[in-house]
């Protein structure tokens, strides 16, 4: 059986304050009935657009991670919670930065959905995602 493993490291030093190298490793069993996963590069324009979740079963929870592959522009991340065309800003990834991995809830009626928007020019964003059963 496959296991999804998150290895996350976060450290910083600013104004005399330093955080030690904090590493968190966590394993998650994928949806074992029919695991679907993908790694894709999505061209993201300057208008907000849905993340292409390929053939994932969106009525299942997913783990998602984005990496901004652009050398100059940032990408904003939004969540649309329902059919009302209102997006909530949940993150920004500068050139070469990664956002996630995060667990997204299962969709109901097509929502919630992730959306991306490039700053001043189109950007390539690497999308890595897989289905994951509840922890």
C-alpha atoms as a PDB file:
ATOM      1  CA  UNK A   1       0.000   0.000   0.000  1.00  0.00           C
ATOM      2  CA  UNK A   2       1.305   3.457  -0.912  1.00  0.00           C
ATOM      3  CA  UNK A   3       1.814   6.134   1.708  1.00  0.00           C
ATOM      4  CA  UNK A   4       1.981   9.869   1.082  1.00  0.00           C
ATOM      5  CA  UNK A   5       4.821  11.373   3.115  1.00  0.00           C
ATOM      6  CA  UNK A   6       5.098  15.104   3.817  1.00  0.00           C
ATOM      7  CA  UNK A   7       8.563  16.342   4.785  1.00  0.00           C
ATOM      8  CA  UNK A   8       8.296  20.042   5.618  1.00  0.00           C
ATOM      9  CA  UNK A   9      11.190  22.217   6.810  1.00  0.00           C
ATOM     10  CA  UNK A  10      10.763  25.815   7.944  1.00  0.00           C
ATOM     11  CA  UNK A  11      13.477  28.074   9.327  1.00  0.00           C
ATOM     12  CA  UNK A  12      14.177  31.790   9.478  1.00  0.00           C
ATOM     13  CA  UNK A  13      16.500  34.417  10.893  1.00  0.00           C
ATOM     14  CA  UNK A  14      15.417  38.037  11.225  1.00  0.00           C
ATOM     15  CA  UNK A  15      16.284  40.842  13.633  1.00  0.00           C
ATOM     16  CA  UNK A  16      18.217  38.570  15.963  1.00  0.00           C
ATOM     17  CA  UNK A  17      15.380  36.056  16.167  1.00  0.00           C
ATOM     18  CA  UNK A  18      16.090  32.622  14.815  1.00  0.00           C
ATOM     19  CA  UNK A  19      13.932  29.559  14.549  1.00  0.00           C
ATOM     20  CA  UNK A  20      15.774  26.317  14.712  1.00  0.00           C
ATOM     21  CA  UNK A  21      15.435  24.021  11.761  1.00  0.00           C
ATOM     22  CA  UNK A  22      11.937  22.676  12.362  1.00  0.00           C
ATOM     23  CA  UNK A  23      11.114  19.557  10.382  1.00  0.00           C
ATOM     24  CA  UNK A  24       7.797  17.775  10.406  1.00  0.00           C
ATOM     25  CA  UNK A  25       7.370  14.403   8.749  1.00  0.00           C
ATOM     26  CA  UNK A  26       3.879  13.018   8.486  1.00  0.00           C
ATOM     27  CA  UNK A  27       2.565   9.992   6.657  1.00  0.00           C
ATOM     28  CA  UNK A  28      -0.937   9.815   5.219  1.00  0.00           C
ATOM     29  CA  UNK A  29      -2.612   6.777   3.755  1.00  0.00           C
ATOM     30  CA  UNK A  30      -4.026   7.603   0.340  1.00  0.00           C
ATOM     31  CA  UNK A  31      -7.524   6.631  -0.692  1.00  0.00           C
ATOM     32  CA  UNK A  32      -6.803   2.946  -1.139  1.00  0.00           C
ATOM     33  CA  UNK A  33      -9.836   2.141  -3.267  1.00  0.00           C
ATOM     34  CA  UNK A  34      -8.501   3.917  -6.352  1.00  0.00           C
ATOM     35  CA  UNK A  35      -5.505   6.156  -5.712  1.00  0.00           C
ATOM     36  CA  UNK A  36      -5.236   9.000  -8.186  1.00  0.00           C
ATOM     37  CA  UNK A  37      -2.342  11.436  -8.179  1.00  0.00           C
ATOM     38  CA  UNK A  38      -0.618  13.750 -10.627  1.00  0.00           C
ATOM     39  CA  UNK A  39       2.175  16.268 -11.163  1.00  0.00           C
ATOM     40  CA  UNK A  40       1.456  18.893 -13.804  1.00  0.00           C
ATOM     41  CA  UNK A  41       2.562  22.368 -14.853  1.00  0.00           C
ATOM     42  CA  UNK A  42      -0.343  24.780 -15.325  1.00  0.00           C
ATOM     43  CA  UNK A  43       0.073  28.021 -17.249  1.00  0.00           C
ATOM     44  CA  UNK A  44      -1.636  30.610 -15.018  1.00  0.00           C
ATOM     45  CA  UNK A  45      -2.830  33.898 -16.477  1.00  0.00           C
ATOM     46  CA  UNK A  46      -3.462  37.309 -14.920  1.00  0.00           C
ATOM     47  CA  UNK A  47      -7.160  36.564 -14.359  1.00  0.00           C
ATOM     48  CA  UNK A  48      -8.099  34.116 -11.599  1.00  0.00           C
ATOM     49  CA  UNK A  49      -8.664  30.604 -12.921  1.00  0.00           C
ATOM     50  CA  UNK A  50      -9.527  27.220 -11.452  1.00  0.00           C
ATOM     51  CA  UNK A  51      -6.707  24.822 -10.698  1.00  0.00           C
ATOM     52  CA  UNK A  52      -6.853  21.909 -13.134  1.00  0.00           C
ATOM     53  CA  UNK A  53      -7.263  18.951 -10.779  1.00  0.00           C
ATOM     54  CA  UNK A  54      -6.894  16.455 -13.649  1.00  0.00           C
ATOM     55  CA  UNK A  55      -8.864  13.264 -12.950  1.00  0.00           C
ATOM     56  CA  UNK A  56      -8.914  13.370  -9.143  1.00  0.00           C
ATOM     57  CA  UNK A  57     -12.189  12.392  -7.521  1.00  0.00           C
ATOM     58  CA  UNK A  58     -13.095  15.782  -6.074  1.00  0.00           C
ATOM     59  CA  UNK A  59     -15.698  14.329  -3.735  1.00  0.00           C
ATOM     60  CA  UNK A  60     -12.684  12.883  -1.851  1.00  0.00           C
ATOM     61  CA  UNK A  61     -10.193  14.885   0.197  1.00  0.00           C
ATOM     62  CA  UNK A  62      -6.980  15.811  -1.588  1.00  0.00           C
ATOM     63  CA  UNK A  63      -3.443  16.870  -0.705  1.00  0.00           C
ATOM     64  CA  UNK A  64      -2.244  19.745  -2.909  1.00  0.00           C
ATOM     65  CA  UNK A  65       1.060  21.593  -3.344  1.00  0.00           C
ATOM     66  CA  UNK A  66       1.961  24.450  -5.720  1.00  0.00           C
ATOM     67  CA  UNK A  67       5.404  25.698  -6.817  1.00  0.00           C
ATOM     68  CA  UNK A  68       5.801  28.965  -8.716  1.00  0.00           C
ATOM     69  CA  UNK A  69       8.186  28.225 -11.605  1.00  0.00           C
ATOM     70  CA  UNK A  70       8.339  31.852 -12.808  1.00  0.00           C
ATOM     71  CA  UNK A  71      11.565  33.831 -12.290  1.00  0.00           C
ATOM     72  CA  UNK A  72       9.877  37.235 -11.860  1.00  0.00           C
ATOM     73  CA  UNK A  73       6.181  37.234 -10.970  1.00  0.00           C
ATOM     74  CA  UNK A  74       4.203  36.086  -7.942  1.00  0.00           C
ATOM     75  CA  UNK A  75       1.022  34.017  -8.002  1.00  0.00           C
ATOM     76  CA  UNK A  76      -1.957  34.539  -5.691  1.00  0.00           C
ATOM     77  CA  UNK A  77      -3.973  31.591  -4.398  1.00  0.00           C
ATOM     78  CA  UNK A  78      -7.710  31.832  -3.783  1.00  0.00           C
ATOM     79  CA  UNK A  79     -10.504  29.576  -2.586  1.00  0.00           C
ATOM     80  CA  UNK A  80     -14.033  29.839  -3.966  1.00  0.00           C
ATOM     81  CA  UNK A  81     -16.376  28.334  -1.374  1.00  0.00           C
ATOM     82  CA  UNK A  82     -19.638  28.276  -3.335  1.00  0.00           C
ATOM     83  CA  UNK A  83     -21.343  29.354  -6.562  1.00  0.00           C
ATOM     84  CA  UNK A  84     -21.194  33.012  -5.515  1.00  0.00           C
ATOM     85  CA  UNK A  85     -18.307  34.414  -7.590  1.00  0.00           C
ATOM     86  CA  UNK A  86     -16.388  35.586  -4.528  1.00  0.00           C
ATOM     87  CA  UNK A  87     -12.853  34.337  -3.965  1.00  0.00           C
ATOM     88  CA  UNK A  88     -10.991  34.418  -0.642  1.00  0.00           C
ATOM     89  CA  UNK A  89      -7.263  35.143  -0.853  1.00  0.00           C
ATOM     90  CA  UNK A  90      -5.420  32.394   1.039  1.00  0.00           C
ATOM     91  CA  UNK A  91      -1.824  32.701  -0.113  1.00  0.00           C
ATOM     92  CA  UNK A  92       0.872  34.120  -2.357  1.00  0.00           C
ATOM     93  CA  UNK A  93       3.857  32.331  -3.829  1.00  0.00           C
ATOM     94  CA  UNK A  94       6.821  34.366  -5.009  1.00  0.00           C
ATOM     95  CA  UNK A  95       9.216  33.090  -7.708  1.00  0.00           C
ATOM     96  CA  UNK A  96      10.511  29.577  -6.875  1.00  0.00           C
ATOM     97  CA  UNK A  97       8.441  29.377  -3.658  1.00  0.00           C
ATOM     98  CA  UNK A  98       6.181  26.498  -2.729  1.00  0.00           C
ATOM     99  CA  UNK A  99       2.749  26.643  -1.063  1.00  0.00           C
ATOM    100  CA  UNK A 100       1.630  23.536   0.734  1.00  0.00           C
ATOM    101  CA  UNK A 101       1.190  20.707   0.985  1.00  0.00           C
ATOM    102  CA  UNK A 102      -2.301  21.376   2.301  1.00  0.00           C
ATOM    103  CA  UNK A 103      -5.311  19.145   2.714  1.00  0.00           C
ATOM    104  CA  UNK A 104      -8.388  20.281   0.824  1.00  0.00           C
ATOM    105  CA  UNK A 105     -11.820  19.100   1.909  1.00  0.00           C
ATOM    106  CA  UNK A 106     -13.974  16.989  -0.344  1.00  0.00           C
ATOM    107  CA  UNK A 107     -16.098  19.042  -2.712  1.00  0.00           C
ATOM    108  CA  UNK A 108     -19.865  19.162  -2.497  1.00  0.00           C
ATOM    109  CA  UNK A 109     -21.664  20.634  -5.489  1.00  0.00           C
ATOM    110  CA  UNK A 110     -18.298  21.532  -7.046  1.00  0.00           C
ATOM    111  CA  UNK A 111     -17.019  23.599  -4.098  1.00  0.00           C
ATOM    112  CA  UNK A 112     -14.674  24.555  -2.486  1.00  0.00           C
ATOM    113  CA  UNK A 113     -12.248  24.950  -5.365  1.00  0.00           C
ATOM    114  CA  UNK A 114      -8.741  26.361  -5.591  1.00  0.00           C
ATOM    115  CA  UNK A 115      -7.977  29.211  -7.994  1.00  0.00           C
ATOM    116  CA  UNK A 116      -4.712  30.833  -9.119  1.00  0.00           C
ATOM    117  CA  UNK A 117      -3.877  34.256 -10.538  1.00  0.00           C
ATOM    118  CA  UNK A 118      -0.512  35.500 -11.826  1.00  0.00           C
ATOM    119  CA  UNK A 119       0.751  38.988 -10.973  1.00  0.00           C
ATOM    120  CA  UNK A 120       1.625  40.940 -14.153  1.00  0.00           C
ATOM    121  CA  UNK A 121       2.411  38.177 -16.650  1.00  0.00           C
ATOM    122  CA  UNK A 122       1.469  34.532 -17.092  1.00  0.00           C
ATOM    123  CA  UNK A 123       3.385  32.083 -14.861  1.00  0.00           C
ATOM    124  CA  UNK A 124       3.963  28.365 -14.887  1.00  0.00           C
ATOM    125  CA  UNK A 125       2.878  26.750 -11.633  1.00  0.00           C
ATOM    126  CA  UNK A 126       3.724  23.164 -10.803  1.00  0.00           C
ATOM    127  CA  UNK A 127       0.717  21.409  -9.295  1.00  0.00           C
ATOM    128  CA  UNK A 128       1.208  18.193  -7.341  1.00  0.00           C
ATOM    129  CA  UNK A 129      -1.942  16.585  -5.946  1.00  0.00           C
ATOM    130  CA  UNK A 130      -3.374  13.281  -4.813  1.00  0.00           C
ATOM    131  CA  UNK A 131      -6.491  11.907  -3.204  1.00  0.00           C
ATOM    132  CA  UNK A 132      -6.178  11.250   0.516  1.00  0.00           C
ATOM    133  CA  UNK A 133      -8.560   9.650   2.955  1.00  0.00           C
ATOM    134  CA  UNK A 134      -9.327  11.510   6.206  1.00  0.00           C
ATOM    135  CA  UNK A 135      -6.569  11.426   8.793  1.00  0.00           C
END
